PDB file of N, CA and C in Angstrom:
ATOM      1  N   MET A   1     -64.469  44.610  58.338  1.00  0.00           N
ATOM      2  CA  MET A   1     -65.469  45.604  58.679  1.00  0.00           C
ATOM      3  C   MET A   1     -65.135  46.886  57.937  1.00  0.00           C
ATOM      4  N   ARG A   2     -66.119  47.449  57.289  1.00  0.00           N
ATOM      5  CA  ARG A   2     -65.895  48.659  56.493  1.00  0.00           C
ATOM      6  C   ARG A   2     -66.080  49.933  57.305  1.00  0.00           C
ATOM      7  N   ASP A   3     -66.983  49.921  58.271  1.00  0.00           N
ATOM      8  CA  ASP A   3     -67.270  51.144  58.995  1.00  0.00           C
ATOM      9  C   ASP A   3     -67.800  50.824  60.383  1.00  0.00           C
ATOM     10  N   MET A   4     -67.690  51.792  61.258  1.00  0.00           N
ATOM     11  CA  MET A   4     -68.203  51.634  62.606  1.00  0.00           C
ATOM     12  C   MET A   4     -68.443  53.013  63.218  1.00  0.00           C
ATOM     13  N   LEU A   5     -69.190  53.042  64.287  1.00  0.00           N
ATOM     14  CA  LEU A   5     -69.399  54.262  65.053  1.00  0.00           C
ATOM     15  C   LEU A   5     -68.252  54.384  66.045  1.00  0.00           C
ATOM     16  N   ARG A   6     -67.670  55.563  66.141  1.00  0.00           N
ATOM     17  CA  ARG A   6     -66.587  55.802  67.080  1.00  0.00           C
ATOM     18  C   ARG A   6     -67.069  56.789  68.135  1.00  0.00           C
ATOM     19  N   ILE A   7     -66.869  56.433  69.391  1.00  0.00           N
ATOM     20  CA  ILE A   7     -67.254  57.292  70.511  1.00  0.00           C
ATOM     21  C   ILE A   7     -66.009  57.514  71.344  1.00  0.00           C
ATOM     22  N   SER A   8     -65.695  58.785  71.640  1.00  0.00           N
ATOM     23  CA  SER A   8     -64.451  59.076  72.338  1.00  0.00           C
ATOM     24  C   SER A   8     -64.602  60.260  73.276  1.00  0.00           C
ATOM     25  N   ASP A   9     -63.796  60.249  74.339  1.00  0.00           N
ATOM     26  CA  ASP A   9     -63.709  61.411  75.219  1.00  0.00           C
ATOM     27  C   ASP A   9     -62.414  62.181  74.947  1.00  0.00           C
ATOM     28  N   ALA A  10     -61.826  61.921  73.781  1.00  0.00           N
ATOM     29  CA  ALA A  10     -60.559  62.561  73.419  1.00  0.00           C
ATOM     30  C   ALA A  10     -60.688  63.247  72.065  1.00  0.00           C
ATOM     31  N   ARG A  11     -59.619  63.806  71.612  1.00  0.00           N
ATOM     32  CA  ARG A  11     -59.578  64.390  70.279  1.00  0.00           C
ATOM     33  C   ARG A  11     -59.238  63.294  69.282  1.00  0.00           C
ATOM     34  N   MET A  12     -59.677  63.464  68.052  1.00  0.00           N
ATOM     35  CA  MET A  12     -59.433  62.450  67.037  1.00  0.00           C
ATOM     36  C   MET A  12     -59.141  63.170  65.725  1.00  0.00           C
ATOM     37  N   SER A  13     -58.185  62.664  64.994  1.00  0.00           N
ATOM     38  CA  SER A  13     -57.906  63.241  63.684  1.00  0.00           C
ATOM     39  C   SER A  13     -57.717  62.115  62.685  1.00  0.00           C
ATOM     40  N   GLY A  14     -57.895  62.424  61.425  1.00  0.00           N
ATOM     41  CA  GLY A  14     -57.657  61.458  60.374  1.00  0.00           C
ATOM     42  C   GLY A  14     -58.765  60.440  60.190  1.00  0.00           C
ATOM     43  N   THR A  15     -59.941  60.691  60.751  1.00  0.00           N
ATOM     44  CA  THR A  15     -61.032  59.732  60.585  1.00  0.00           C
ATOM     45  C   THR A  15     -61.805  60.054  59.323  1.00  0.00           C
ATOM     46  N   SER A  16     -62.356  59.022  58.743  1.00  0.00           N
ATOM     47  CA  SER A  16     -63.232  59.210  57.596  1.00  0.00           C
ATOM     48  C   SER A  16     -64.273  58.103  57.626  1.00  0.00           C
ATOM     49  N   TYR A  17     -65.347  58.342  56.951  1.00  0.00           N
ATOM     50  CA  TYR A  17     -66.475  57.413  56.892  1.00  0.00           C
ATOM     51  C   TYR A  17     -67.240  57.399  58.212  1.00  0.00           C
ATOM     52  N   GLY A  18     -68.529  57.313  58.102  1.00  0.00           N
ATOM     53  CA  GLY A  18     -69.394  57.055  59.235  1.00  0.00           C
ATOM     54  C   GLY A  18     -69.431  58.143  60.293  1.00  0.00           C
ATOM     55  N   ALA A  19     -70.222  57.864  61.291  1.00  0.00           N
ATOM     56  CA  ALA A  19     -70.452  58.816  62.376  1.00  0.00           C
ATOM     57  C   ALA A  19     -69.361  58.734  63.427  1.00  0.00           C
ATOM     58  N   CYS A  20     -69.062  59.857  64.046  1.00  0.00           N
ATOM     59  CA  CYS A  20     -68.139  59.935  65.181  1.00  0.00           C
ATOM     60  C   CYS A  20     -68.841  60.725  66.270  1.00  0.00           C
ATOM     61  N   VAL A  21     -68.697  60.301  67.497  1.00  0.00           N
ATOM     62  CA  VAL A  21     -69.194  61.055  68.649  1.00  0.00           C
ATOM     63  C   VAL A  21     -67.962  61.377  69.472  1.00  0.00           C
ATOM     64  N   LEU A  22     -67.596  62.656  69.526  1.00  0.00           N
ATOM     65  CA  LEU A  22     -66.369  63.061  70.204  1.00  0.00           C
ATOM     66  C   LEU A  22     -66.669  63.957  71.386  1.00  0.00           C
ATOM     67  N   HIS A  23     -65.696  64.065  72.226  1.00  0.00           N
ATOM     68  CA  HIS A  23     -65.724  64.963  73.379  1.00  0.00           C
ATOM     69  C   HIS A  23     -66.797  64.581  74.392  1.00  0.00           C
ATOM     70  N   VAL A  24     -66.971  63.276  74.621  1.00  0.00           N
ATOM     71  CA  VAL A  24     -67.874  62.820  75.678  1.00  0.00           C
ATOM     72  C   VAL A  24     -67.281  63.310  76.993  1.00  0.00           C
ATOM     73  N   ALA A  25     -68.071  63.951  77.821  1.00  0.00           N
ATOM     74  CA  ALA A  25     -67.569  64.528  79.063  1.00  0.00           C
ATOM     75  C   ALA A  25     -68.546  64.266  80.202  1.00  0.00           C
ATOM     76  N   PRO A  26     -68.020  64.116  81.423  1.00  0.00           N
ATOM     77  CA  PRO A  26     -66.601  64.129  81.754  1.00  0.00           C
ATOM     78  C   PRO A  26     -65.887  62.887  81.229  1.00  0.00           C
ATOM     79  N   GLU A  27     -64.585  63.003  81.062  1.00  0.00           N
ATOM     80  CA  GLU A  27     -63.796  61.932  80.461  1.00  0.00           C
ATOM     81  C   GLU A  27     -63.726  60.695  81.357  1.00  0.00           C
ATOM     82  N   SER A  28     -63.438  59.563  80.746  1.00  0.00           N
ATOM     83  CA  SER A  28     -63.398  58.301  81.477  1.00  0.00           C
ATOM     84  C   SER A  28     -62.303  58.282  82.539  1.00  0.00           C
ATOM     85  N   PHE A  29     -61.220  58.996  82.326  1.00  0.00           N
ATOM     86  CA  PHE A  29     -60.101  59.008  83.271  1.00  0.00           C
ATOM     87  C   PHE A  29     -60.528  59.473  84.658  1.00  0.00           C
ATOM     88  N   ILE A  30     -61.553  60.326  84.721  1.00  0.00           N
ATOM     89  CA  ILE A  30     -62.023  60.793  86.028  1.00  0.00           C
ATOM     90  C   ILE A  30     -63.362  60.174  86.410  1.00  0.00           C
ATOM     91  N   GLY A  31     -63.743  59.110  85.726  1.00  0.00           N
ATOM     92  CA  GLY A  31     -64.977  58.401  86.077  1.00  0.00           C
ATOM     93  C   GLY A  31     -66.179  58.796  85.260  1.00  0.00           C
ATOM     94  N   GLY A  32     -65.957  59.437  84.133  1.00  0.00           N
ATOM     95  CA  GLY A  32     -67.063  59.818  83.254  1.00  0.00           C
ATOM     96  C   GLY A  32     -67.764  58.600  82.673  1.00  0.00           C
ATOM     97  N   PRO A  33     -68.790  58.814  81.880  1.00  0.00           N
ATOM     98  CA  PRO A  33     -69.633  57.718  81.404  1.00  0.00           C
ATOM     99  C   PRO A  33     -68.899  56.625  80.640  1.00  0.00           C
ATOM    100  N   LEU A  34     -67.883  56.958  79.871  1.00  0.00           N
ATOM    101  CA  LEU A  34     -67.169  55.927  79.114  1.00  0.00           C
ATOM    102  C   LEU A  34     -66.379  54.982  80.015  1.00  0.00           C
ATOM    103  N   ALA A  35     -66.083  55.407  81.242  1.00  0.00           N
ATOM    104  CA  ALA A  35     -65.353  54.539  82.176  1.00  0.00           C
ATOM    105  C   ALA A  35     -66.180  53.314  82.561  1.00  0.00           C
ATOM    106  N   LEU A  36     -67.497  53.393  82.423  1.00  0.00           N
ATOM    107  CA  LEU A  36     -68.375  52.296  82.828  1.00  0.00           C
ATOM    108  C   LEU A  36     -68.733  51.355  81.689  1.00  0.00           C
ATOM    109  N   VAL A  37     -68.391  51.710  80.459  1.00  0.00           N
ATOM    110  CA  VAL A  37     -68.716  50.876  79.302  1.00  0.00           C
ATOM    111  C   VAL A  37     -67.789  49.663  79.274  1.00  0.00           C
ATOM    112  N   GLN A  38     -68.366  48.498  78.980  1.00  0.00           N
ATOM    113  CA  GLN A  38     -67.586  47.265  78.893  1.00  0.00           C
ATOM    114  C   GLN A  38     -67.822  46.612  77.543  1.00  0.00           C
ATOM    115  N   ASP A  39     -66.879  45.738  77.157  1.00  0.00           N
ATOM    116  CA  ASP A  39     -67.035  44.987  75.910  1.00  0.00           C
ATOM    117  C   ASP A  39     -68.384  44.289  75.902  1.00  0.00           C
ATOM    118  N   GLY A  40     -69.075  44.369  74.786  1.00  0.00           N
ATOM    119  CA  GLY A  40     -70.363  43.702  74.635  1.00  0.00           C
ATOM    120  C   GLY A  40     -71.559  44.570  74.981  1.00  0.00           C
ATOM    121  N   ASP A  41     -71.340  45.717  75.613  1.00  0.00           N
ATOM    122  CA  ASP A  41     -72.454  46.622  75.918  1.00  0.00           C
ATOM    123  C   ASP A  41     -73.044  47.164  74.623  1.00  0.00           C
ATOM    124  N   VAL A  42     -74.341  47.377  74.639  1.00  0.00           N
ATOM    125  CA  VAL A  42     -75.027  47.956  73.489  1.00  0.00           C
ATOM    126  C   VAL A  42     -75.175  49.454  73.727  1.00  0.00           C
ATOM    127  N   ILE A  43     -74.751  50.238  72.733  1.00  0.00           N
ATOM    128  CA  ILE A  43     -74.903  51.690  72.779  1.00  0.00           C
ATOM    129  C   ILE A  43     -75.795  52.079  71.616  1.00  0.00           C
ATOM    130  N   GLU A  44     -76.873  52.775  71.928  1.00  0.00           N
ATOM    131  CA  GLU A  44     -77.818  53.212  70.904  1.00  0.00           C
ATOM    132  C   GLU A  44     -77.607  54.693  70.649  1.00  0.00           C
ATOM    133  N   ILE A  45     -77.563  55.056  69.371  1.00  0.00           N
ATOM    134  CA  ILE A  45     -77.412  56.461  69.019  1.00  0.00           C
ATOM    135  C   ILE A  45     -78.582  56.880  68.131  1.00  0.00           C
ATOM    136  N   ASP A  46     -79.157  58.007  68.472  1.00  0.00           N
ATOM    137  CA  ASP A  46     -80.263  58.596  67.718  1.00  0.00           C
ATOM    138  C   ASP A  46     -79.776  59.971  67.272  1.00  0.00           C
ATOM    139  N   VAL A  47     -79.198  60.038  66.084  1.00  0.00           N
ATOM    140  CA  VAL A  47     -78.568  61.270  65.606  1.00  0.00           C
ATOM    141  C   VAL A  47     -79.570  62.422  65.472  1.00  0.00           C
ATOM    142  N   PRO A  48     -80.737  62.222  64.823  1.00  0.00           N
ATOM    143  CA  PRO A  48     -81.658  63.360  64.674  1.00  0.00           C
ATOM    144  C   PRO A  48     -82.092  63.972  66.017  1.00  0.00           C
ATOM    145  N   ASN A  49     -82.216  63.141  67.044  1.00  0.00           N
ATOM    146  CA  ASN A  49     -82.637  63.646  68.356  1.00  0.00           C
ATOM    147  C   ASN A  49     -81.475  63.900  69.298  1.00  0.00           C
ATOM    148  N   ARG A  50     -80.227  63.761  68.777  1.00  0.00           N
ATOM    149  CA  ARG A  50     -79.015  64.048  69.556  1.00  0.00           C
ATOM    150  C   ARG A  50     -79.014  63.287  70.891  1.00  0.00           C
ATOM    151  N   ARG A  51     -79.271  61.979  70.813  1.00  0.00           N
ATOM    152  CA  ARG A  51     -79.344  61.166  72.026  1.00  0.00           C
ATOM    153  C   ARG A  51     -78.423  59.953  71.887  1.00  0.00           C
ATOM    154  N   LEU A  52     -77.700  59.669  72.957  1.00  0.00           N
ATOM    155  CA  LEU A  52     -76.794  58.534  73.037  1.00  0.00           C
ATOM    156  C   LEU A  52     -77.160  57.771  74.303  1.00  0.00           C
ATOM    157  N   SER A  53     -77.462  56.475  74.175  1.00  0.00           N
ATOM    158  CA  SER A  53     -77.932  55.699  75.330  1.00  0.00           C
ATOM    159  C   SER A  53     -77.120  54.425  75.494  1.00  0.00           C
ATOM    160  N   LEU A  54     -76.607  54.221  76.685  1.00  0.00           N
ATOM    161  CA  LEU A  54     -75.941  52.971  77.038  1.00  0.00           C
ATOM    162  C   LEU A  54     -77.018  52.029  77.554  1.00  0.00           C
ATOM    163  N   ARG A  55     -77.236  50.932  76.853  1.00  0.00           N
ATOM    164  CA  ARG A  55     -78.317  50.003  77.184  1.00  0.00           C
ATOM    165  C   ARG A  55     -77.868  48.997  78.246  1.00  0.00           C
ATOM    166  N   VAL A  56     -77.600  49.532  79.436  1.00  0.00           N
ATOM    167  CA  VAL A  56     -77.231  48.732  80.602  1.00  0.00           C
ATOM    168  C   VAL A  56     -78.119  49.225  81.742  1.00  0.00           C
ATOM    169  N   ASP A  57     -78.719  48.294  82.497  1.00  0.00           N
ATOM    170  CA  ASP A  57     -79.670  48.730  83.530  1.00  0.00           C
ATOM    171  C   ASP A  57     -78.971  49.491  84.664  1.00  0.00           C
ATOM    172  N   ASP A  58     -79.772  50.295  85.360  1.00  0.00           N
ATOM    173  CA  ASP A  58     -79.250  51.189  86.394  1.00  0.00           C
ATOM    174  C   ASP A  58     -78.517  50.447  87.509  1.00  0.00           C
ATOM    175  N   ALA A  59     -79.004  49.278  87.902  1.00  0.00           N
ATOM    176  CA  ALA A  59     -78.357  48.513  88.974  1.00  0.00           C
ATOM    177  C   ALA A  59     -76.948  48.085  88.557  1.00  0.00           C
ATOM    178  N   GLU A  60     -76.803  47.642  87.309  1.00  0.00           N
ATOM    179  CA  GLU A  60     -75.486  47.230  86.820  1.00  0.00           C
ATOM    180  C   GLU A  60     -74.551  48.426  86.708  1.00  0.00           C
ATOM    181  N   LEU A  61     -75.067  49.562  86.258  1.00  0.00           N
ATOM    182  CA  LEU A  61     -74.228  50.769  86.182  1.00  0.00           C
ATOM    183  C   LEU A  61     -73.787  51.211  87.576  1.00  0.00           C
ATOM    184  N   ALA A  62     -74.681  51.122  88.544  1.00  0.00           N
ATOM    185  CA  ALA A  62     -74.329  51.476  89.927  1.00  0.00           C
ATOM    186  C   ALA A  62     -73.248  50.543  90.452  1.00  0.00           C
ATOM    187  N   ARG A  63     -73.345  49.254  90.132  1.00  0.00           N
ATOM    188  CA  ARG A  63     -72.332  48.280  90.561  1.00  0.00           C
ATOM    189  C   ARG A  63     -70.980  48.611  89.938  1.00  0.00           C
ATOM    190  N   ARG A  64     -70.982  48.918  88.644  1.00  0.00           N
ATOM    191  CA  ARG A  64     -69.734  49.266  87.962  1.00  0.00           C
ATOM    192  C   ARG A  64     -69.124  50.530  88.553  1.00  0.00           C
ATOM    193  N   LYS A  65     -69.971  51.502  88.869  1.00  0.00           N
ATOM    194  CA  LYS A  65     -69.481  52.765  89.432  1.00  0.00           C
ATOM    195  C   LYS A  65     -68.837  52.524  90.799  1.00  0.00           C
ATOM    196  N   ARG A  66     -69.450  51.665  91.613  1.00  0.00           N
ATOM    197  CA  ARG A  66     -68.880  51.337  92.930  1.00  0.00           C
ATOM    198  C   ARG A  66     -67.507  50.675  92.798  1.00  0.00           C
ATOM    199  N   LEU A  67     -67.349  49.842  91.788  1.00  0.00           N
ATOM    200  CA  LEU A  67     -66.105  49.099  91.604  1.00  0.00           C
ATOM    201  C   LEU A  67     -65.027  49.895  90.863  1.00  0.00           C
ATOM    202  N   TRP A  68     -65.420  50.990  90.211  1.00  0.00           N
ATOM    203  CA  TRP A  68     -64.475  51.770  89.412  1.00  0.00           C
ATOM    204  C   TRP A  68     -63.420  52.420  90.300  1.00  0.00           C
ATOM    205  N   ARG A  69     -62.193  52.373  89.867  1.00  0.00           N
ATOM    206  CA  ARG A  69     -61.083  53.043  90.544  1.00  0.00           C
ATOM    207  C   ARG A  69     -60.350  53.903  89.531  1.00  0.00           C
ATOM    208  N   ALA A  70     -60.018  55.090  89.944  1.00  0.00           N
ATOM    209  CA  ALA A  70     -59.282  55.999  89.055  1.00  0.00           C
ATOM    210  C   ALA A  70     -57.907  55.418  88.747  1.00  0.00           C
ATOM    211  N   PRO A  71     -57.470  55.537  87.493  1.00  0.00           N
ATOM    212  CA  PRO A  71     -56.119  55.074  87.164  1.00  0.00           C
ATOM    213  C   PRO A  71     -55.073  55.959  87.836  1.00  0.00           C
ATOM    214  N   ARG A  72     -53.908  55.397  88.045  1.00  0.00           N
ATOM    215  CA  ARG A  72     -52.813  56.182  88.613  1.00  0.00           C
ATOM    216  C   ARG A  72     -52.404  57.263  87.615  1.00  0.00           C
ATOM    217  N   PRO A  73     -52.038  58.429  88.106  1.00  0.00           N
ATOM    218  CA  PRO A  73     -51.564  59.467  87.192  1.00  0.00           C
ATOM    219  C   PRO A  73     -50.339  58.976  86.422  1.00  0.00           C
ATOM    220  N   ARG A  74     -50.277  59.321  85.161  1.00  0.00           N
ATOM    221  CA  ARG A  74     -49.172  58.891  84.317  1.00  0.00           C
ATOM    222  C   ARG A  74     -47.900  59.677  84.621  1.00  0.00           C
ATOM    223  N   TYR A  75     -48.065  60.936  85.001  1.00  0.00           N
ATOM    224  CA  TYR A  75     -46.922  61.801  85.280  1.00  0.00           C
ATOM    225  C   TYR A  75     -47.039  62.340  86.693  1.00  0.00           C
ATOM    226  N   GLU A  76     -45.921  62.385  87.385  1.00  0.00           N
ATOM    227  CA  GLU A  76     -45.904  62.907  88.754  1.00  0.00           C
ATOM    228  C   GLU A  76     -45.472  64.363  88.801  1.00  0.00           C
ATOM    229  N   ARG A  77     -44.802  64.825  87.744  1.00  0.00           N
ATOM    230  CA  ARG A  77     -44.316  66.202  87.722  1.00  0.00           C
ATOM    231  C   ARG A  77     -44.238  66.689  86.281  1.00  0.00           C
ATOM    232  N   GLY A  78     -43.942  67.955  86.131  1.00  0.00           N
ATOM    233  CA  GLY A  78     -43.780  68.528  84.803  1.00  0.00           C
ATOM    234  C   GLY A  78     -45.104  68.864  84.140  1.00  0.00           C
ATOM    235  N   TYR A  79     -45.028  69.124  82.828  1.00  0.00           N
ATOM    236  CA  TYR A  79     -46.202  69.559  82.076  1.00  0.00           C
ATOM    237  C   TYR A  79     -47.323  68.524  82.121  1.00  0.00           C
ATOM    238  N   GLY A  80     -46.988  67.239  81.991  1.00  0.00           N
ATOM    239  CA  GLY A  80     -48.014  66.190  82.016  1.00  0.00           C
ATOM    240  C   GLY A  80     -48.805  66.191  83.310  1.00  0.00           C
ATOM    241  N   ALA A  81     -48.117  66.365  84.431  1.00  0.00           N
ATOM    242  CA  ALA A  81     -48.795  66.409  85.733  1.00  0.00           C
ATOM    243  C   ALA A  81     -49.661  67.660  85.855  1.00  0.00           C
ATOM    244  N   MET A  82     -49.132  68.794  85.404  1.00  0.00           N
ATOM    245  CA  MET A  82     -49.899  70.033  85.461  1.00  0.00           C
ATOM    246  C   MET A  82     -51.152  69.924  84.584  1.00  0.00           C
ATOM    247  N   PHE A  83     -51.000  69.359  83.403  1.00  0.00           N
ATOM    248  CA  PHE A  83     -52.130  69.179  82.504  1.00  0.00           C
ATOM    249  C   PHE A  83     -53.198  68.305  83.161  1.00  0.00           C
ATOM    250  N   ALA A  84     -52.796  67.166  83.720  1.00  0.00           N
ATOM    251  CA  ALA A  84     -53.747  66.237  84.330  1.00  0.00           C
ATOM    252  C   ALA A  84     -54.502  66.872  85.497  1.00  0.00           C
ATOM    253  N   ARG A  85     -53.825  67.699  86.258  1.00  0.00           N
ATOM    254  CA  ARG A  85     -54.457  68.318  87.430  1.00  0.00           C
ATOM    255  C   ARG A  85     -55.342  69.508  87.087  1.00  0.00           C
ATOM    256  N   HIS A  86     -55.026  70.208  86.012  1.00  0.00           N
ATOM    257  CA  HIS A  86     -55.664  71.517  85.806  1.00  0.00           C
ATOM    258  C   HIS A  86     -56.439  71.703  84.508  1.00  0.00           C
ATOM    259  N   ILE A  87     -56.435  70.725  83.604  1.00  0.00           N
ATOM    260  CA  ILE A  87     -57.138  70.946  82.341  1.00  0.00           C
ATOM    261  C   ILE A  87     -58.640  70.729  82.542  1.00  0.00           C
ATOM    262  N   THR A  88     -59.455  71.551  81.919  1.00  0.00           N
ATOM    263  CA  THR A  88     -60.904  71.379  82.029  1.00  0.00           C
ATOM    264  C   THR A  88     -61.374  70.347  81.009  1.00  0.00           C
ATOM    265  N   GLN A  89     -62.588  69.879  81.165  1.00  0.00           N
ATOM    266  CA  GLN A  89     -63.164  68.875  80.286  1.00  0.00           C
ATOM    267  C   GLN A  89     -63.445  69.478  78.900  1.00  0.00           C
ATOM    268  N   ALA A  90     -63.629  68.595  77.923  1.00  0.00           N
ATOM    269  CA  ALA A  90     -63.815  69.032  76.532  1.00  0.00           C
ATOM    270  C   ALA A  90     -64.987  69.995  76.381  1.00  0.00           C
ATOM    271  N   ASN A  91     -66.083  69.727  77.074  1.00  0.00           N
ATOM    272  CA  ASN A  91     -67.246  70.601  76.944  1.00  0.00           C
ATOM    273  C   ASN A  91     -67.014  71.974  77.587  1.00  0.00           C
ATOM    274  N   GLU A  92     -65.918  72.110  78.342  1.00  0.00           N
ATOM    275  CA  GLU A  92     -65.578  73.393  78.960  1.00  0.00           C
ATOM    276  C   GLU A  92     -64.406  74.063  78.255  1.00  0.00           C
ATOM    277  N   GLY A  93     -63.947  73.476  77.149  1.00  0.00           N
ATOM    278  CA  GLY A  93     -62.924  74.111  76.337  1.00  0.00           C
ATOM    279  C   GLY A  93     -61.522  73.555  76.444  1.00  0.00           C
ATOM    280  N   CYS A  94     -61.278  72.556  77.288  1.00  0.00           N
ATOM    281  CA  CYS A  94     -59.930  71.969  77.438  1.00  0.00           C
ATOM    282  C   CYS A  94     -58.888  73.041  77.713  1.00  0.00           C
ATOM    283  N   ASP A  95     -59.206  73.949  78.603  1.00  0.00           N
ATOM    284  CA  ASP A  95     -58.290  75.018  78.968  1.00  0.00           C
ATOM    285  C   ASP A  95     -57.816  74.778  80.394  1.00  0.00           C
ATOM    286  N   PHE A  96     -56.733  75.407  80.787  1.00  0.00           N
ATOM    287  CA  PHE A  96     -56.290  75.296  82.163  1.00  0.00           C
ATOM    288  C   PHE A  96     -57.249  76.033  83.079  1.00  0.00           C
ATOM    289  N   ASP A  97     -57.632  75.400  84.177  1.00  0.00           N
ATOM    290  CA  ASP A  97     -58.584  76.025  85.100  1.00  0.00           C
ATOM    291  C   ASP A  97     -58.035  77.306  85.715  1.00  0.00           C
ATOM    292  N   PHE A  98     -56.719  77.404  85.867  1.00  0.00           N
ATOM    293  CA  PHE A  98     -56.145  78.603  86.484  1.00  0.00           C
ATOM    294  C   PHE A  98     -56.109  79.787  85.515  1.00  0.00           C
ATOM    295  N   LEU A  99     -56.490  79.566  84.259  1.00  0.00           N
ATOM    296  CA  LEU A  99     -56.564  80.670  83.299  1.00  0.00           C
ATOM    297  C   LEU A  99     -57.975  81.228  83.182  1.00  0.00           C
ATOM    298  N   GLU A 100     -58.919  80.574  83.853  1.00  0.00           N
ATOM    299  CA  GLU A 100     -60.307  81.041  83.799  1.00  0.00           C
ATOM    300  C   GLU A 100     -60.465  82.304  84.616  1.00  0.00           C
ATOM    301  N   GLY A 101     -61.417  83.083  84.249  1.00  0.00           N
ATOM    302  CA  GLY A 101     -61.700  84.305  84.981  1.00  0.00           C
ATOM    303  C   GLY A 101     -62.533  85.235  84.137  1.00  0.00           C
ATOM    304  N   THR A 102     -63.136  86.186  84.779  1.00  0.00           N
ATOM    305  CA  THR A 102     -63.988  87.118  84.058  1.00  0.00           C
ATOM    306  C   THR A 102     -63.358  88.504  83.960  1.00  0.00           C
ATOM    307  N   ALA A 103     -62.311  88.754  84.748  1.00  0.00           N
ATOM    308  CA  ALA A 103     -61.698  90.075  84.700  1.00  0.00           C
ATOM    309  C   ALA A 103     -60.905  90.224  83.412  1.00  0.00           C
ATOM    310  N   SER A 104     -61.031  91.393  82.808  1.00  0.00           N
ATOM    311  CA  SER A 104     -60.265  91.625  81.593  1.00  0.00           C
ATOM    312  C   SER A 104     -58.831  91.969  81.970  1.00  0.00           C
ATOM    313  N   THR A 105     -57.949  91.703  81.070  1.00  0.00           N
ATOM    314  CA  THR A 105     -56.540  92.035  81.271  1.00  0.00           C
ATOM    315  C   THR A 105     -56.276  93.332  80.534  1.00  0.00           C
ATOM    316  N   PRO A 106     -55.877  94.362  81.261  1.00  0.00           N
ATOM    317  CA  PRO A 106     -55.645  95.650  80.590  1.00  0.00           C
ATOM    318  C   PRO A 106     -54.442  95.579  79.659  1.00  0.00           C
ATOM    319  N   ASP A 107     -54.520  96.361  78.587  1.00  0.00           N
ATOM    320  CA  ASP A 107     -53.385  96.444  77.670  1.00  0.00           C
ATOM    321  C   ASP A 107     -52.231  97.119  78.408  1.00  0.00           C
ATOM    322  N   PRO A 108     -51.018  96.672  78.118  1.00  0.00           N
ATOM    323  CA  PRO A 108     -49.864  97.318  78.775  1.00  0.00           C
ATOM    324  C   PRO A 108     -49.669  98.728  78.226  1.00  0.00           C
ATOM    325  N   GLU A 109     -49.054  99.576  79.031  1.00  0.00           N
ATOM    326  CA  GLU A 109     -48.734 100.921  78.564  1.00  0.00           C
ATOM    327  C   GLU A 109     -47.608 100.833  77.523  1.00  0.00           C
ATOM    328  N   ILE A 110     -47.740 101.583  76.504  1.00  0.00           N
ATOM    329  CA  ILE A 110     -46.707 101.616  75.469  1.00  0.00           C
ATOM    330  C   ILE A 110     -45.955 102.915  75.631  1.00  0.00           C
ATOM    331  N   HIS A 111     -44.642 102.824  75.776  1.00  0.00           N
ATOM    332  CA  HIS A 111     -43.801 104.005  76.001  1.00  0.00           C
ATOM    333  C   HIS A 111     -42.945 104.281  74.814  1.00  0.00           C
TER     334      HIS A 111
END
């Protein structure tokens, strides 16, 4: 196979050739749309109209959603655990939720 469409809810580097659809959100790890995709499913992409469609009927998607279980966290402590608990989704900037806010931080006094 020379080329294929790649769809991901993660970051990707080093790709070349063909179309890529990145930063699908929410991510599959928390039950986002990619968590319901199975081998053999047809995914239609309409690039000019910016539309991506999973060609699976609503009843089957509802069944898959009912059966879906979140994976166990990979890390119980440390940076990995903090990242898993507090990072925002790709469409929200992949930033820590505890860093969000609208208040400005004043410059420190220089003495």
